[in-house]
Amino acid sequence: MVKGPGEYEIGDVLILGIATFHDAVGGKNKGKNTVYLMEVDGMSICHLGDLGHVLNAEQVEEIDDVDVLLLPVGGVSTLNAPMAAEVIRRLEPKVVVPMHYKTPAISRRLGTIDEFLKEMGVEQIESKPKLSLTKSNLPASTQVFLLDY
C-alpha cells in the first residue's frame, strides 16, 4: 500500500512519495500533501495531489526529471493558475495534464481551465478521452493536454 512519503515498489513500478503541503503556510491551514513520482515503462510521472504551494529548490531537485506532470490548477485549496505555471517552469515536464479546475460537473468554486491556459500562453485546446504516451513519443518541449472529465 502506498501512503505518504517514502519509497515503494509495486511490480515494475517504483514510487517515491515526497512530503509537501496543502497550503502555502507549511500546512498550518490545510495540512500535509504528498507528491508521488512514479517510474513506469521508462517514463517519470509526477502526480502533485493537492499541492498548495510552489515547490522549493530542494523539492524540485528531489523530483528531478519529469516526463508527465499532473497538477492542480484551480486554486482555492490547491495551486492556482499562476502558481501552477511557476511549478511547471521549475520542473520543465514534457507533458502537463491539469486537474482540479472548474467544470460544469462541479458546483465548487474553482478557477477555470481557461485561466490556466492563458497563464501558460496556450490557445484553447481540445480535450481528449485518453492520452497514450511512450518514452519515444514525448514532445520535445512542454505541452499541455486536457483530458475529458
C-alpha atoms as a PDB file:
ATOM      1  CA  MET A   1       0.000   0.000   0.000  1.00  0.00           C
ATOM      2  CA  VAL A   2       1.274   3.449  -0.949  1.00  0.00           C
ATOM      3  CA  LYS A   3       0.607   6.040   1.714  1.00  0.00           C
ATOM      4  CA  GLY A   4       2.655   9.144   2.427  1.00  0.00           C
ATOM      5  CA  PRO A   5       6.312   9.983   1.892  1.00  0.00           C
ATOM      6  CA  GLY A   6       8.741   7.153   1.253  1.00  0.00           C
ATOM      7  CA  GLU A   7       9.879   4.675  -1.380  1.00  0.00           C
ATOM      8  CA  TYR A   8       7.597   1.961  -2.708  1.00  0.00           C
ATOM      9  CA  GLU A   9       7.934  -0.717  -5.357  1.00  0.00           C
ATOM     10  CA  ILE A  10       4.897  -2.433  -6.814  1.00  0.00           C
ATOM     11  CA  GLY A  11       5.660  -4.838  -9.628  1.00  0.00           C
ATOM     12  CA  ASP A  12       7.877  -2.950 -12.062  1.00  0.00           C
ATOM     13  CA  VAL A  13       6.746   0.456 -10.802  1.00  0.00           C
ATOM     14  CA  LEU A  14       8.982   2.474  -8.487  1.00  0.00           C
ATOM     15  CA  ILE A  15       7.112   5.151  -6.488  1.00  0.00           C
ATOM     16  CA  LEU A  16       8.672   7.936  -4.470  1.00  0.00           C
ATOM     17  CA  GLY A  17       6.431   9.921  -2.088  1.00  0.00           C
ATOM     18  CA  ILE A  18       7.727  13.411  -1.341  1.00  0.00           C
ATOM     19  CA  ALA A  19       6.424  15.476   1.588  1.00  0.00           C
ATOM     20  CA  THR A  20       4.817  18.805   0.660  1.00  0.00           C
ATOM     21  CA  PHE A  21       1.927  20.890   1.952  1.00  0.00           C
ATOM     22  CA  HIS A  22      -1.701  21.515   1.067  1.00  0.00           C
ATOM     23  CA  ASP A  23      -1.236  25.255   1.616  1.00  0.00           C
ATOM     24  CA  ALA A  24       1.399  27.959   1.288  1.00  0.00           C
ATOM     25  CA  VAL A  25       1.980  28.267   5.065  1.00  0.00           C
ATOM     26  CA  GLY A  26       3.714  24.971   5.795  1.00  0.00           C
ATOM     27  CA  GLY A  27       0.495  23.024   6.272  1.00  0.00           C
ATOM     28  CA  LYS A  28      -0.771  25.224   9.124  1.00  0.00           C
ATOM     29  CA  ASN A  29      -4.182  25.743   7.487  1.00  0.00           C
ATOM     30  CA  LYS A  30      -4.820  22.651   5.383  1.00  0.00           C
ATOM     31  CA  GLY A  31      -2.203  20.126   6.441  1.00  0.00           C
ATOM     32  CA  LYS A  32       0.233  17.952   4.570  1.00  0.00           C
ATOM     33  CA  ASN A  33       0.282  16.690   0.997  1.00  0.00           C
ATOM     34  CA  THR A  34       2.347  14.010  -0.684  1.00  0.00           C
ATOM     35  CA  VAL A  35       3.667  14.350  -4.221  1.00  0.00           C
ATOM     36  CA  TYR A  36       4.103  10.988  -5.929  1.00  0.00           C
ATOM     37  CA  LEU A  37       6.799  10.402  -8.518  1.00  0.00           C
ATOM     38  CA  MET A  38       6.431   7.125 -10.430  1.00  0.00           C
ATOM     39  CA  GLU A  39       8.772   5.409 -12.855  1.00  0.00           C
ATOM     40  CA  VAL A  40       6.662   3.467 -15.360  1.00  0.00           C
ATOM     41  CA  ASP A  41       7.969   1.960 -18.614  1.00  0.00           C
ATOM     42  CA  GLY A  42      10.968   4.283 -18.603  1.00  0.00           C
ATOM     43  CA  MET A  43       8.850   7.384 -18.046  1.00  0.00           C
ATOM     44  CA  SER A  44       8.731   9.593 -14.994  1.00  0.00           C
ATOM     45  CA  ILE A  45       5.170  10.528 -13.990  1.00  0.00           C
ATOM     46  CA  CYS A  46       4.577  13.035 -11.201  1.00  0.00           C
ATOM     47  CA  HIS A  47       1.182  13.497  -9.504  1.00  0.00           C
ATOM     48  CA  LEU A  48       1.193  16.618  -7.326  1.00  0.00           C
ATOM     49  CA  GLY A  49      -2.005  15.711  -5.470  1.00  0.00           C
ATOM     50  CA  ASP A  50      -3.476  18.675  -3.570  1.00  0.00           C
ATOM     51  CA  LEU A  51      -0.281  20.719  -3.620  1.00  0.00           C
ATOM     52  CA  GLY A  52      -0.955  24.222  -2.310  1.00  0.00           C
ATOM     53  CA  HIS A  53       2.420  25.935  -2.729  1.00  0.00           C
ATOM     54  CA  VAL A  54       5.149  26.447  -5.310  1.00  0.00           C
ATOM     55  CA  LEU A  55       7.822  23.783  -4.922  1.00  0.00           C
ATOM     56  CA  ASN A  56      11.060  24.932  -3.342  1.00  0.00           C
ATOM     57  CA  ALA A  57      14.516  24.212  -4.803  1.00  0.00           C
ATOM     58  CA  GLU A  58      15.033  21.136  -2.614  1.00  0.00           C
ATOM     59  CA  GLN A  59      11.690  19.625  -3.650  1.00  0.00           C
ATOM     60  CA  VAL A  60      12.378  20.373  -7.327  1.00  0.00           C
ATOM     61  CA  GLU A  61      15.763  18.658  -7.017  1.00  0.00           C
ATOM     62  CA  GLU A  62      14.190  15.627  -5.325  1.00  0.00           C
ATOM     63  CA  ILE A  63      11.533  15.329  -8.035  1.00  0.00           C
ATOM     64  CA  ASP A  64      14.173  15.986 -10.697  1.00  0.00           C
ATOM     65  CA  ASP A  65      13.324  14.843 -14.233  1.00  0.00           C
ATOM     66  CA  VAL A  66       9.576  14.723 -15.022  1.00  0.00           C
ATOM     67  CA  ASP A  67       8.128  13.463 -18.286  1.00  0.00           C
ATOM     68  CA  VAL A  68       4.437  13.716 -17.330  1.00  0.00           C
ATOM     69  CA  LEU A  69       3.129  16.131 -14.693  1.00  0.00           C
ATOM     70  CA  LEU A  70      -0.403  16.023 -13.269  1.00  0.00           C
ATOM     71  CA  LEU A  71      -1.097  19.157 -11.265  1.00  0.00           C
ATOM     72  CA  PRO A  72      -3.996  21.063  -9.739  1.00  0.00           C
ATOM     73  CA  VAL A  73      -4.671  24.446 -11.365  1.00  0.00           C
ATOM     74  CA  GLY A  74      -7.998  25.674  -9.954  1.00  0.00           C
ATOM     75  CA  GLY A  75      -6.843  27.356  -6.772  1.00  0.00           C
ATOM     76  CA  VAL A  76      -8.947  27.753  -3.630  1.00  0.00           C
ATOM     77  CA  SER A  77      -7.400  24.828  -1.720  1.00  0.00           C
ATOM     78  CA  THR A  78      -4.583  23.975  -4.171  1.00  0.00           C
ATOM     79  CA  LEU A  79      -2.341  25.681  -6.726  1.00  0.00           C
ATOM     80  CA  ASN A  80      -3.965  28.463  -8.721  1.00  0.00           C
ATOM     81  CA  ALA A  81      -3.090  29.166 -12.371  1.00  0.00           C
ATOM     82  CA  PRO A  82      -0.045  31.444 -11.750  1.00  0.00           C
ATOM     83  CA  MET A  83       1.361  29.090  -9.090  1.00  0.00           C
ATOM     84  CA  ALA A  84       0.821  26.065 -11.352  1.00  0.00           C
ATOM     85  CA  ALA A  85       2.617  27.832 -14.207  1.00  0.00           C
ATOM     86  CA  GLU A  86       5.568  28.532 -11.881  1.00  0.00           C
ATOM     87  CA  VAL A  87       5.748  24.875 -10.814  1.00  0.00           C
ATOM     88  CA  ILE A  88       5.776  23.886 -14.491  1.00  0.00           C
ATOM     89  CA  ARG A  89       8.616  26.347 -15.196  1.00  0.00           C
ATOM     90  CA  ARG A  90      10.621  24.866 -12.321  1.00  0.00           C
ATOM     91  CA  LEU A  91      10.059  21.193 -13.226  1.00  0.00           C
ATOM     92  CA  GLU A  92      10.111  21.568 -17.047  1.00  0.00           C
ATOM     93  CA  PRO A  93       7.996  18.473 -17.787  1.00  0.00           C
ATOM     94  CA  LYS A  94       7.365  17.275 -21.350  1.00  0.00           C
ATOM     95  CA  VAL A  95       3.628  16.707 -20.777  1.00  0.00           C
ATOM     96  CA  VAL A  96       1.296  18.637 -18.465  1.00  0.00           C
ATOM     97  CA  VAL A  97      -2.136  17.321 -17.515  1.00  0.00           C
ATOM     98  CA  PRO A  98      -4.094  19.905 -15.492  1.00  0.00           C
ATOM     99  CA  MET A  99      -6.576  18.737 -12.880  1.00  0.00           C
ATOM    100  CA  HIS A 100      -8.765  20.161 -10.103  1.00  0.00           C
ATOM    101  CA  TYR A 101     -10.376  23.022 -12.044  1.00  0.00           C
ATOM    102  CA  LYS A 102     -13.942  24.279 -12.643  1.00  0.00           C
ATOM    103  CA  THR A 103     -16.130  22.191 -14.965  1.00  0.00           C
ATOM    104  CA  PRO A 104     -19.896  22.067 -15.489  1.00  0.00           C
ATOM    105  CA  ALA A 105     -19.866  18.820 -13.462  1.00  0.00           C
ATOM    106  CA  ILE A 106     -18.787  20.536 -10.210  1.00  0.00           C
ATOM    107  CA  SER A 107     -20.525  23.201  -8.187  1.00  0.00           C
ATOM    108  CA  ARG A 108     -17.437  24.074  -6.116  1.00  0.00           C
ATOM    109  CA  ARG A 109     -15.813  27.445  -6.638  1.00  0.00           C
ATOM    110  CA  LEU A 110     -12.607  26.823  -8.609  1.00  0.00           C
ATOM    111  CA  GLY A 111     -10.593  28.603 -11.267  1.00  0.00           C
ATOM    112  CA  THR A 112     -11.305  27.633 -14.859  1.00  0.00           C
ATOM    113  CA  ILE A 113      -9.070  25.804 -17.288  1.00  0.00           C
ATOM    114  CA  ASP A 114      -9.094  28.956 -19.447  1.00  0.00           C
ATOM    115  CA  GLU A 115      -7.350  30.883 -16.648  1.00  0.00           C
ATOM    116  CA  PHE A 116      -4.615  28.255 -16.556  1.00  0.00           C
ATOM    117  CA  LEU A 117      -4.248  28.066 -20.351  1.00  0.00           C
ATOM    118  CA  LYS A 118      -3.964  31.870 -20.540  1.00  0.00           C
ATOM    119  CA  GLU A 119      -1.285  31.822 -17.830  1.00  0.00           C
ATOM    120  CA  MET A 120       0.612  29.199 -19.849  1.00  0.00           C
ATOM    121  CA  GLY A 121       0.224  31.148 -23.104  1.00  0.00           C
ATOM    122  CA  VAL A 122      -1.676  28.240 -24.671  1.00  0.00           C
ATOM    123  CA  GLU A 123      -4.547  28.760 -27.101  1.00  0.00           C
ATOM    124  CA  GLN A 124      -7.765  26.839 -26.499  1.00  0.00           C
ATOM    125  CA  ILE A 125      -7.140  23.108 -26.933  1.00  0.00           C
ATOM    126  CA  GLU A 126      -9.446  20.141 -27.359  1.00  0.00           C
ATOM    127  CA  SER A 127      -9.790  17.674 -24.518  1.00  0.00           C
ATOM    128  CA  LYS A 128      -9.194  14.014 -25.252  1.00  0.00           C
ATOM    129  CA  PRO A 129     -10.799  10.878 -23.823  1.00  0.00           C
ATOM    130  CA  LYS A 130      -7.358   9.356 -23.207  1.00  0.00           C
ATOM    131  CA  LEU A 131      -3.686  10.056 -23.562  1.00  0.00           C
ATOM    132  CA  SER A 132      -1.311   7.370 -24.838  1.00  0.00           C
ATOM    133  CA  LEU A 133       2.348   8.099 -24.268  1.00  0.00           C
ATOM    134  CA  THR A 134       5.610   6.247 -24.572  1.00  0.00           C
ATOM    135  CA  LYS A 135       9.119   7.494 -23.894  1.00  0.00           C
ATOM    136  CA  SER A 136       9.679   7.692 -27.657  1.00  0.00           C
ATOM    137  CA  ASN A 137       6.628   9.853 -28.453  1.00  0.00           C
ATOM    138  CA  LEU A 138       7.006  12.502 -25.745  1.00  0.00           C
ATOM    139  CA  PRO A 139       7.020  16.088 -27.073  1.00  0.00           C
ATOM    140  CA  ALA A 140      10.380  17.866 -27.271  1.00  0.00           C
ATOM    141  CA  SER A 141       9.182  20.747 -25.079  1.00  0.00           C
ATOM    142  CA  THR A 142       6.386  21.254 -22.554  1.00  0.00           C
ATOM    143  CA  GLN A 143       2.916  20.590 -23.978  1.00  0.00           C
ATOM    144  CA  VAL A 144      -0.444  20.819 -22.183  1.00  0.00           C
ATOM    145  CA  PHE A 145      -3.038  18.063 -22.702  1.00  0.00           C
ATOM    146  CA  LEU A 146      -6.615  18.188 -21.459  1.00  0.00           C
ATOM    147  CA  LEU A 147      -8.463  15.008 -20.607  1.00  0.00           C
ATOM    148  CA  ASP A 148     -12.247  14.618 -20.705  1.00  0.00           C
ATOM    149  CA  TYR A 149     -13.750  14.681 -17.248  1.00  0.00           C
END
